[in-house]
PDB file of N, CA and C in Angstrom:
ATOM      1  N   UNK A   1     -19.945  23.550 -33.932  1.00  0.00           N
ATOM      2  CA  UNK A   1     -20.632  23.049 -35.147  1.00  0.00           C
ATOM      3  C   UNK A   1     -21.698  23.330 -34.419  1.00  0.00           C
ATOM      4  N   UNK A   2     -22.852  24.135 -35.324  1.00  0.00           N
ATOM      5  CA  UNK A   2     -24.156  24.351 -35.160  1.00  0.00           C
ATOM      6  C   UNK A   2     -24.772  23.121 -35.684  1.00  0.00           C
ATOM      7  N   UNK A   3     -26.175  22.718 -34.960  1.00  0.00           N
ATOM      8  CA  UNK A   3     -26.677  21.570 -35.645  1.00  0.00           C
ATOM      9  C   UNK A   3     -28.458  21.938 -35.461  1.00  0.00           C
ATOM     10  N   UNK A   4     -28.537  21.192 -36.873  1.00  0.00           N
ATOM     11  CA  UNK A   4     -30.290  21.629 -37.559  1.00  0.00           C
ATOM     12  C   UNK A   4     -30.902  21.111 -36.399  1.00  0.00           C
ATOM     13  N   UNK A   5     -32.528  21.154 -36.637  1.00  0.00           N
ATOM     14  CA  UNK A   5     -33.499  20.914 -36.132  1.00  0.00           C
ATOM     15  C   UNK A   5     -33.451  19.301 -36.746  1.00  0.00           C
ATOM     16  N   UNK A   6     -33.292  19.289 -38.407  1.00  0.00           N
ATOM     17  CA  UNK A   6     -33.132  18.032 -38.815  1.00  0.00           C
ATOM     18  C   UNK A   6     -32.028  17.185 -38.495  1.00  0.00           C
ATOM     19  N   UNK A   7     -31.045  17.755 -38.255  1.00  0.00           N
ATOM     20  CA  UNK A   7     -30.356  16.903 -37.386  1.00  0.00           C
ATOM     21  C   UNK A   7     -30.561  16.087 -36.203  1.00  0.00           C
ATOM     22  N   UNK A   8     -30.899  17.510 -35.075  1.00  0.00           N
ATOM     23  CA  UNK A   8     -31.248  16.570 -33.668  1.00  0.00           C
ATOM     24  C   UNK A   8     -32.413  15.430 -33.821  1.00  0.00           C
ATOM     25  N   UNK A   9     -33.566  15.604 -34.677  1.00  0.00           N
ATOM     26  CA  UNK A   9     -34.322  14.607 -35.730  1.00  0.00           C
ATOM     27  C   UNK A   9     -33.690  13.681 -35.957  1.00  0.00           C
ATOM     28  N   UNK A  10     -33.155  13.596 -36.441  1.00  0.00           N
ATOM     29  CA  UNK A  10     -32.196  12.292 -37.129  1.00  0.00           C
ATOM     30  C   UNK A  10     -31.293  11.806 -36.233  1.00  0.00           C
ATOM     31  N   UNK A  11     -30.514  12.344 -35.033  1.00  0.00           N
ATOM     32  CA  UNK A  11     -29.980  11.792 -34.293  1.00  0.00           C
ATOM     33  C   UNK A  11     -30.851  11.191 -33.499  1.00  0.00           C
ATOM     34  N   UNK A  12     -31.674  11.408 -32.342  1.00  0.00           N
ATOM     35  CA  UNK A  12     -33.026  10.975 -31.523  1.00  0.00           C
ATOM     36  C   UNK A  12     -33.096   9.510 -32.550  1.00  0.00           C
ATOM     37  N   UNK A  13     -33.764   9.581 -33.598  1.00  0.00           N
ATOM     38  CA  UNK A  13     -34.056   8.674 -34.480  1.00  0.00           C
ATOM     39  C   UNK A  13     -32.993   7.893 -33.943  1.00  0.00           C
ATOM     40  N   UNK A  14     -32.083   7.888 -34.538  1.00  0.00           N
ATOM     41  CA  UNK A  14     -30.257   6.993 -34.668  1.00  0.00           C
ATOM     42  C   UNK A  14     -29.702   6.695 -33.499  1.00  0.00           C
ATOM     43  N   UNK A  15     -30.505   7.192 -32.839  1.00  0.00           N
ATOM     44  CA  UNK A  15     -29.380   6.936 -31.255  1.00  0.00           C
ATOM     45  C   UNK A  15     -27.832   7.446 -31.469  1.00  0.00           C
ATOM     46  N   UNK A  16     -27.869   8.430 -31.925  1.00  0.00           N
ATOM     47  CA  UNK A  16     -26.495   8.957 -32.279  1.00  0.00           C
ATOM     48  C   UNK A  16     -26.099  10.559 -31.191  1.00  0.00           C
ATOM     49  N   UNK A  17     -25.418  10.486 -30.435  1.00  0.00           N
ATOM     50  CA  UNK A  17     -25.385  11.324 -29.110  1.00  0.00           C
ATOM     51  C   UNK A  17     -24.677  12.427 -29.514  1.00  0.00           C
ATOM     52  N   UNK A  18     -24.572  13.149 -29.052  1.00  0.00           N
ATOM     53  CA  UNK A  18     -23.388  14.767 -28.847  1.00  0.00           C
ATOM     54  C   UNK A  18     -21.989  13.874 -28.816  1.00  0.00           C
ATOM     55  N   UNK A  19     -21.855  13.012 -28.052  1.00  0.00           N
ATOM     56  CA  UNK A  19     -20.388  12.822 -27.357  1.00  0.00           C
ATOM     57  C   UNK A  19     -19.559  11.847 -29.290  1.00  0.00           C
ATOM     58  N   UNK A  20     -20.199  10.846 -29.828  1.00  0.00           N
ATOM     59  CA  UNK A  20     -20.495  10.280 -30.793  1.00  0.00           C
ATOM     60  C   UNK A  20     -20.074  11.313 -31.837  1.00  0.00           C
ATOM     61  N   UNK A  21     -21.122  12.544 -31.801  1.00  0.00           N
ATOM     62  CA  UNK A  21     -20.653  13.666 -32.806  1.00  0.00           C
ATOM     63  C   UNK A  21     -19.675  13.997 -32.952  1.00  0.00           C
ATOM     64  N   UNK A  22     -18.878  14.292 -31.381  1.00  0.00           N
ATOM     65  CA  UNK A  22     -17.960  15.523 -31.141  1.00  0.00           C
ATOM     66  C   UNK A  22     -16.723  14.067 -31.359  1.00  0.00           C
ATOM     67  N   UNK A  23     -17.061  12.515 -31.310  1.00  0.00           N
ATOM     68  CA  UNK A  23     -15.411  11.817 -31.612  1.00  0.00           C
ATOM     69  C   UNK A  23     -15.532  11.694 -33.494  1.00  0.00           C
ATOM     70  N   UNK A  24     -16.591  11.999 -34.230  1.00  0.00           N
ATOM     71  CA  UNK A  24     -15.937  11.966 -35.630  1.00  0.00           C
ATOM     72  C   UNK A  24     -15.752  13.272 -35.936  1.00  0.00           C
ATOM     73  N   UNK A  25     -16.468  14.725 -35.115  1.00  0.00           N
ATOM     74  CA  UNK A  25     -15.539  16.108 -35.330  1.00  0.00           C
ATOM     75  C   UNK A  25     -13.832  15.693 -35.435  1.00  0.00           C
ATOM     76  N   UNK A  26     -13.499  14.961 -33.962  1.00  0.00           N
ATOM     77  CA  UNK A  26     -12.083  15.320 -33.662  1.00  0.00           C
ATOM     78  C   UNK A  26     -11.667  13.768 -34.376  1.00  0.00           C
ATOM     79  N   UNK A  27     -11.665  12.567 -34.690  1.00  0.00           N
ATOM     80  CA  UNK A  27     -10.905  11.894 -35.252  1.00  0.00           C
ATOM     81  C   UNK A  27     -11.203  11.554 -36.770  1.00  0.00           C
ATOM     82  N   UNK A  28     -12.493  11.907 -37.268  1.00  0.00           N
ATOM     83  CA  UNK A  28     -12.948  11.632 -38.181  1.00  0.00           C
ATOM     84  C   UNK A  28     -11.800  12.052 -39.964  1.00  0.00           C
ATOM     85  N   UNK A  29     -12.513  11.325 -41.123  1.00  0.00           N
ATOM     86  CA  UNK A  29     -11.835  12.447 -42.295  1.00  0.00           C
ATOM     87  C   UNK A  29     -12.610  12.874 -43.114  1.00  0.00           C
ATOM     88  N   UNK A  30     -12.207  14.343 -43.693  1.00  0.00           N
ATOM     89  CA  UNK A  30     -13.091  14.767 -44.632  1.00  0.00           C
ATOM     90  C   UNK A  30     -13.588  13.916 -45.698  1.00  0.00           C
ATOM     91  N   UNK A  31     -14.487  14.311 -46.013  1.00  0.00           N
ATOM     92  CA  UNK A  31     -14.740  13.077 -47.766  1.00  0.00           C
ATOM     93  C   UNK A  31     -14.263  14.068 -48.882  1.00  0.00           C
ATOM     94  N   UNK A  32     -13.831  13.866 -49.730  1.00  0.00           N
ATOM     95  CA  UNK A  32     -13.460  14.218 -51.147  1.00  0.00           C
ATOM     96  C   UNK A  32     -13.677  15.582 -50.959  1.00  0.00           C
ATOM     97  N   UNK A  33     -15.397  15.492 -51.510  1.00  0.00           N
ATOM     98  CA  UNK A  33     -16.270  17.123 -51.841  1.00  0.00           C
ATOM     99  C   UNK A  33     -16.720  17.369 -50.839  1.00  0.00           C
ATOM    100  N   UNK A  34     -15.550  17.555 -49.669  1.00  0.00           N
ATOM    101  CA  UNK A  34     -15.613  17.689 -48.055  1.00  0.00           C
ATOM    102  C   UNK A  34     -17.511  18.424 -47.804  1.00  0.00           C
ATOM    103  N   UNK A  35     -18.024  17.595 -47.953  1.00  0.00           N
ATOM    104  CA  UNK A  35     -19.673  18.334 -47.225  1.00  0.00           C
ATOM    105  C   UNK A  35     -19.667  17.034 -45.952  1.00  0.00           C
ATOM    106  N   UNK A  36     -18.822  16.223 -46.302  1.00  0.00           N
ATOM    107  CA  UNK A  36     -18.931  14.959 -44.909  1.00  0.00           C
ATOM    108  C   UNK A  36     -17.394  14.486 -44.137  1.00  0.00           C
ATOM    109  N   UNK A  37     -17.931  14.119 -43.182  1.00  0.00           N
ATOM    110  CA  UNK A  37     -16.766  13.777 -42.167  1.00  0.00           C
ATOM    111  C   UNK A  37     -17.295  12.720 -41.800  1.00  0.00           C
ATOM    112  N   UNK A  38     -16.293  11.555 -42.024  1.00  0.00           N
ATOM    113  CA  UNK A  38     -16.321   9.907 -41.472  1.00  0.00           C
ATOM    114  C   UNK A  38     -15.441   9.733 -40.598  1.00  0.00           C
ATOM    115  N   UNK A  39     -15.957   8.485 -39.851  1.00  0.00           N
ATOM    116  CA  UNK A  39     -14.817   7.775 -38.935  1.00  0.00           C
ATOM    117  C   UNK A  39     -15.736   6.421 -39.333  1.00  0.00           C
ATOM    118  N   UNK A  40     -14.738   5.955 -40.175  1.00  0.00           N
ATOM    119  CA  UNK A  40     -15.197   4.404 -40.873  1.00  0.00           C
ATOM    120  C   UNK A  40     -14.383   3.411 -39.793  1.00  0.00           C
ATOM    121  N   UNK A  41     -15.007   2.177 -39.703  1.00  0.00           N
ATOM    122  CA  UNK A  41     -14.886   0.912 -39.073  1.00  0.00           C
ATOM    123  C   UNK A  41     -13.498   0.782 -38.932  1.00  0.00           C
ATOM    124  N   UNK A  42     -12.777   0.678 -40.041  1.00  0.00           N
ATOM    125  CA  UNK A  42     -11.205   0.417 -40.538  1.00  0.00           C
ATOM    126  C   UNK A  42     -10.621   1.793 -39.105  1.00  0.00           C
ATOM    127  N   UNK A  43     -10.871   2.690 -39.353  1.00  0.00           N
ATOM    128  CA  UNK A  43     -10.293   4.123 -38.878  1.00  0.00           C
ATOM    129  C   UNK A  43     -10.370   3.412 -36.830  1.00  0.00           C
ATOM    130  N   UNK A  44     -11.707   3.763 -36.711  1.00  0.00           N
ATOM    131  CA  UNK A  44     -12.021   2.944 -35.040  1.00  0.00           C
ATOM    132  C   UNK A  44     -10.926   1.928 -35.028  1.00  0.00           C
ATOM    133  N   UNK A  45     -11.081   0.578 -35.955  1.00  0.00           N
ATOM    134  CA  UNK A  45     -10.219  -0.808 -35.654  1.00  0.00           C
ATOM    135  C   UNK A  45      -9.097  -0.373 -34.977  1.00  0.00           C
ATOM    136  N   UNK A  46      -8.345   0.650 -35.981  1.00  0.00           N
ATOM    137  CA  UNK A  46      -7.088   1.220 -35.721  1.00  0.00           C
ATOM    138  C   UNK A  46      -6.286   1.972 -34.024  1.00  0.00           C
ATOM    139  N   UNK A  47      -8.120   3.018 -34.026  1.00  0.00           N
ATOM    140  CA  UNK A  47      -7.888   3.536 -32.886  1.00  0.00           C
ATOM    141  C   UNK A  47      -7.964   2.504 -31.606  1.00  0.00           C
ATOM    142  N   UNK A  48      -8.251   1.821 -31.592  1.00  0.00           N
ATOM    143  CA  UNK A  48      -8.947   0.859 -30.494  1.00  0.00           C
ATOM    144  C   UNK A  48      -7.815  -0.017 -30.082  1.00  0.00           C
ATOM    145  N   UNK A  49      -7.037  -0.996 -31.554  1.00  0.00           N
ATOM    146  CA  UNK A  49      -5.684  -1.291 -31.346  1.00  0.00           C
ATOM    147  C   UNK A  49      -4.168  -0.089 -30.666  1.00  0.00           C
ATOM    148  N   UNK A  50      -4.500   1.298 -30.890  1.00  0.00           N
ATOM    149  CA  UNK A  50      -4.093   1.799 -30.286  1.00  0.00           C
ATOM    150  C   UNK A  50      -3.985   2.495 -28.914  1.00  0.00           C
ATOM    151  N   UNK A  51      -5.145   2.355 -28.588  1.00  0.00           N
ATOM    152  CA  UNK A  51      -6.020   2.526 -27.478  1.00  0.00           C
ATOM    153  C   UNK A  51      -5.286   1.510 -26.155  1.00  0.00           C
ATOM    154  N   UNK A  52      -5.651   0.429 -26.774  1.00  0.00           N
ATOM    155  CA  UNK A  52      -5.257  -1.222 -26.059  1.00  0.00           C
ATOM    156  C   UNK A  52      -3.824  -1.013 -25.819  1.00  0.00           C
ATOM    157  N   UNK A  53      -2.849  -0.417 -26.909  1.00  0.00           N
ATOM    158  CA  UNK A  53      -1.108  -0.275 -26.295  1.00  0.00           C
ATOM    159  C   UNK A  53      -0.911   0.589 -25.350  1.00  0.00           C
ATOM    160  N   UNK A  54      -1.653   1.905 -25.599  1.00  0.00           N
ATOM    161  CA  UNK A  54      -1.850   2.554 -24.531  1.00  0.00           C
ATOM    162  C   UNK A  54      -2.227   2.172 -22.986  1.00  0.00           C
ATOM    163  N   UNK A  55      -3.186   1.665 -23.480  1.00  0.00           N
ATOM    164  CA  UNK A  55      -3.817   1.251 -21.521  1.00  0.00           C
ATOM    165  C   UNK A  55      -2.918   0.212 -21.221  1.00  0.00           C
ATOM    166  N   UNK A  56      -1.729  -0.556 -22.165  1.00  0.00           N
ATOM    167  CA  UNK A  56      -0.679  -1.672 -21.387  1.00  0.00           C
ATOM    168  C   UNK A  56       0.274  -0.684 -20.936  1.00  0.00           C
ATOM    169  N   UNK A  57       0.972   0.446 -21.756  1.00  0.00           N
ATOM    170  CA  UNK A  57       1.680   1.073 -20.932  1.00  0.00           C
ATOM    171  C   UNK A  57       1.702   2.129 -20.317  1.00  0.00           C
ATOM    172  N   UNK A  58       0.338   2.364 -20.269  1.00  0.00           N
ATOM    173  CA  UNK A  58       0.290   2.890 -19.166  1.00  0.00           C
ATOM    174  C   UNK A  58       0.218   1.779 -17.485  1.00  0.00           C
ATOM    175  N   UNK A  59      -0.898   1.276 -17.945  1.00  0.00           N
ATOM    176  CA  UNK A  59      -0.697   0.328 -16.286  1.00  0.00           C
ATOM    177  C   UNK A  59       0.578  -0.088 -16.175  1.00  0.00           C
ATOM    178  N   UNK A  60       1.442  -0.586 -16.945  1.00  0.00           N
ATOM    179  CA  UNK A  60       2.992  -0.811 -16.338  1.00  0.00           C
ATOM    180  C   UNK A  60       3.407   0.125 -16.211  1.00  0.00           C
ATOM    181  N   UNK A  61       3.442   1.722 -16.267  1.00  0.00           N
ATOM    182  CA  UNK A  61       3.961   2.918 -16.168  1.00  0.00           C
ATOM    183  C   UNK A  61       3.158   3.089 -14.284  1.00  0.00           C
ATOM    184  N   UNK A  62       1.983   2.566 -14.159  1.00  0.00           N
ATOM    185  CA  UNK A  62       0.946   2.509 -12.929  1.00  0.00           C
ATOM    186  C   UNK A  62       1.750   1.979 -11.703  1.00  0.00           C
ATOM    187  N   UNK A  63       1.595   0.824 -12.305  1.00  0.00           N
ATOM    188  CA  UNK A  63       2.619  -0.412 -11.427  1.00  0.00           C
ATOM    189  C   UNK A  63       4.197  -0.177 -10.583  1.00  0.00           C
ATOM    190  N   UNK A  64       4.397   0.712 -11.477  1.00  0.00           N
ATOM    191  CA  UNK A  64       6.109   0.919 -10.727  1.00  0.00           C
ATOM    192  C   UNK A  64       6.049   2.290 -10.615  1.00  0.00           C
ATOM    193  N   UNK A  65       4.772   3.096 -10.115  1.00  0.00           N
ATOM    194  CA  UNK A  65       4.451   4.433  -9.481  1.00  0.00           C
ATOM    195  C   UNK A  65       5.065   5.719 -10.307  1.00  0.00           C
ATOM    196  N   UNK A  66       4.611   5.473 -11.524  1.00  0.00           N
ATOM    197  CA  UNK A  66       5.196   6.563 -12.516  1.00  0.00           C
ATOM    198  C   UNK A  66       6.411   6.448 -12.868  1.00  0.00           C
ATOM    199  N   UNK A  67       6.905   7.356 -13.922  1.00  0.00           N
ATOM    200  CA  UNK A  67       8.031   7.513 -14.861  1.00  0.00           C
ATOM    201  C   UNK A  67       7.860   9.431 -14.251  1.00  0.00           C
ATOM    202  N   UNK A  68       9.648   9.173 -14.149  1.00  0.00           N
ATOM    203  CA  UNK A  68      10.039  10.063 -14.490  1.00  0.00           C
ATOM    204  C   UNK A  68      11.057  10.696 -15.123  1.00  0.00           C
ATOM    205  N   UNK A  69      10.750  11.979 -15.393  1.00  0.00           N
ATOM    206  CA  UNK A  69      11.943  12.095 -16.720  1.00  0.00           C
ATOM    207  C   UNK A  69      12.674  13.334 -16.312  1.00  0.00           C
ATOM    208  N   UNK A  70      14.063  13.345 -16.455  1.00  0.00           N
ATOM    209  CA  UNK A  70      15.308  14.566 -16.101  1.00  0.00           C
ATOM    210  C   UNK A  70      15.449  14.997 -17.311  1.00  0.00           C
ATOM    211  N   UNK A  71      14.895  16.901 -17.319  1.00  0.00           N
ATOM    212  CA  UNK A  71      15.421  16.851 -18.990  1.00  0.00           C
ATOM    213  C   UNK A  71      16.476  18.569 -18.429  1.00  0.00           C
ATOM    214  N   UNK A  72      17.124  18.978 -19.245  1.00  0.00           N
ATOM    215  CA  UNK A  72      17.736  20.442 -19.395  1.00  0.00           C
ATOM    216  C   UNK A  72      17.390  20.536 -21.173  1.00  0.00           C
ATOM    217  N   UNK A  73      17.281  22.026 -21.221  1.00  0.00           N
ATOM    218  CA  UNK A  73      17.820  22.125 -22.265  1.00  0.00           C
ATOM    219  C   UNK A  73      16.900  21.448 -23.520  1.00  0.00           C
ATOM    220  N   UNK A  74      15.723  20.962 -23.488  1.00  0.00           N
ATOM    221  CA  UNK A  74      15.190  19.877 -24.534  1.00  0.00           C
ATOM    222  C   UNK A  74      16.092  19.097 -24.740  1.00  0.00           C
ATOM    223  N   UNK A  75      16.960  18.353 -23.852  1.00  0.00           N
ATOM    224  CA  UNK A  75      17.646  17.551 -23.651  1.00  0.00           C
ATOM    225  C   UNK A  75      17.711  15.949 -22.739  1.00  0.00           C
ATOM    226  N   UNK A  76      16.826  14.944 -23.060  1.00  0.00           N
ATOM    227  CA  UNK A  76      16.878  14.016 -21.903  1.00  0.00           C
ATOM    228  C   UNK A  76      18.103  13.611 -21.162  1.00  0.00           C
ATOM    229  N   UNK A  77      17.954  13.652 -19.768  1.00  0.00           N
ATOM    230  CA  UNK A  77      19.421  13.408 -19.045  1.00  0.00           C
ATOM    231  C   UNK A  77      19.248  12.119 -18.760  1.00  0.00           C
ATOM    232  N   UNK A  78      17.948  11.447 -18.068  1.00  0.00           N
ATOM    233  CA  UNK A  78      17.691  10.525 -17.515  1.00  0.00           C
ATOM    234  C   UNK A  78      16.394   9.747 -17.461  1.00  0.00           C
ATOM    235  N   UNK A  79      16.151   8.821 -17.159  1.00  0.00           N
ATOM    236  CA  UNK A  79      14.944   8.107 -16.294  1.00  0.00           C
ATOM    237  C   UNK A  79      14.244   7.493 -15.781  1.00  0.00           C
ATOM    238  N   UNK A  80      13.627   7.334 -14.846  1.00  0.00           N
ATOM    239  CA  UNK A  80      13.467   6.116 -14.132  1.00  0.00           C
ATOM    240  C   UNK A  80      12.054   5.890 -13.732  1.00  0.00           C
ATOM    241  N   UNK A  81      11.588   4.791 -12.945  1.00  0.00           N
ATOM    242  CA  UNK A  81      10.322   4.257 -12.149  1.00  0.00           C
ATOM    243  C   UNK A  81      10.592   5.166 -11.026  1.00  0.00           C
ATOM    244  N   UNK A  82       9.269   5.835 -11.002  1.00  0.00           N
ATOM    245  CA  UNK A  82       9.192   6.357  -9.118  1.00  0.00           C
ATOM    246  C   UNK A  82       9.188   5.452  -8.078  1.00  0.00           C
ATOM    247  N   UNK A  83       8.930   4.165  -8.253  1.00  0.00           N
ATOM    248  CA  UNK A  83       8.989   3.441  -7.190  1.00  0.00           C
ATOM    249  C   UNK A  83      10.632   2.886  -7.404  1.00  0.00           C
ATOM    250  N   UNK A  84      11.713   3.300  -8.048  1.00  0.00           N
ATOM    251  CA  UNK A  84      12.917   2.349  -8.051  1.00  0.00           C
ATOM    252  C   UNK A  84      13.297   3.220  -6.173  1.00  0.00           C
ATOM    253  N   UNK A  85      13.061   4.183  -6.528  1.00  0.00           N
ATOM    254  CA  UNK A  85      13.516   4.872  -4.971  1.00  0.00           C
ATOM    255  C   UNK A  85      13.504   4.596  -3.550  1.00  0.00           C
ATOM    256  N   UNK A  86      11.736   4.202  -3.828  1.00  0.00           N
ATOM    257  CA  UNK A  86      11.483   3.380  -3.013  1.00  0.00           C
ATOM    258  C   UNK A  86      11.807   1.786  -2.329  1.00  0.00           C
ATOM    259  N   UNK A  87      12.096   1.624  -3.282  1.00  0.00           N
ATOM    260  CA  UNK A  87      12.774   0.145  -3.105  1.00  0.00           C
ATOM    261  C   UNK A  87      14.432   0.367  -2.576  1.00  0.00           C
ATOM    262  N   UNK A  88      14.987   1.096  -2.954  1.00  0.00           N
ATOM    263  CA  UNK A  88      16.312   1.633  -2.235  1.00  0.00           C
ATOM    264  C   UNK A  88      16.047   2.273  -1.480  1.00  0.00           C
ATOM    265  N   UNK A  89      15.412   2.151  -0.441  1.00  0.00           N
ATOM    266  CA  UNK A  89      15.603   3.533   0.917  1.00  0.00           C
ATOM    267  C   UNK A  89      15.951   4.810   0.448  1.00  0.00           C
ATOM    268  N   UNK A  90      15.960   5.251  -0.578  1.00  0.00           N
ATOM    269  CA  UNK A  90      16.314   6.457  -0.978  1.00  0.00           C
ATOM    270  C   UNK A  90      15.185   7.926  -0.107  1.00  0.00           C
ATOM    271  N   UNK A  91      13.736   7.087  -0.344  1.00  0.00           N
ATOM    272  CA  UNK A  91      13.085   8.085  -0.016  1.00  0.00           C
ATOM    273  C   UNK A  91      12.286   7.886   1.484  1.00  0.00           C
ATOM    274  N   UNK A  92      12.151   8.830   2.526  1.00  0.00           N
ATOM    275  CA  UNK A  92      11.749   7.732   3.353  1.00  0.00           C
ATOM    276  C   UNK A  92       9.911   8.559   3.774  1.00  0.00           C
TER     277      UNK A  92
END
């Protein structure tokens, strides 16, 4: 997206950086008239809850050494935590 001089000036005045603009473009919703993209507080709060849940799951997976999925022809065959092999002495 091109940014006009006016927009750059307003961004500087309002302390809105390029990273924020990118987030609104990526996660925001288009207004009914189509001339605005809005990332509102409610959407941000829902996203933050989702991020918190993702972080918890990633921490659990990390603590177990990762997760491996075994699949064939787009069918999940089995799954295991990566440290389960180390605990049983299967991997040296």
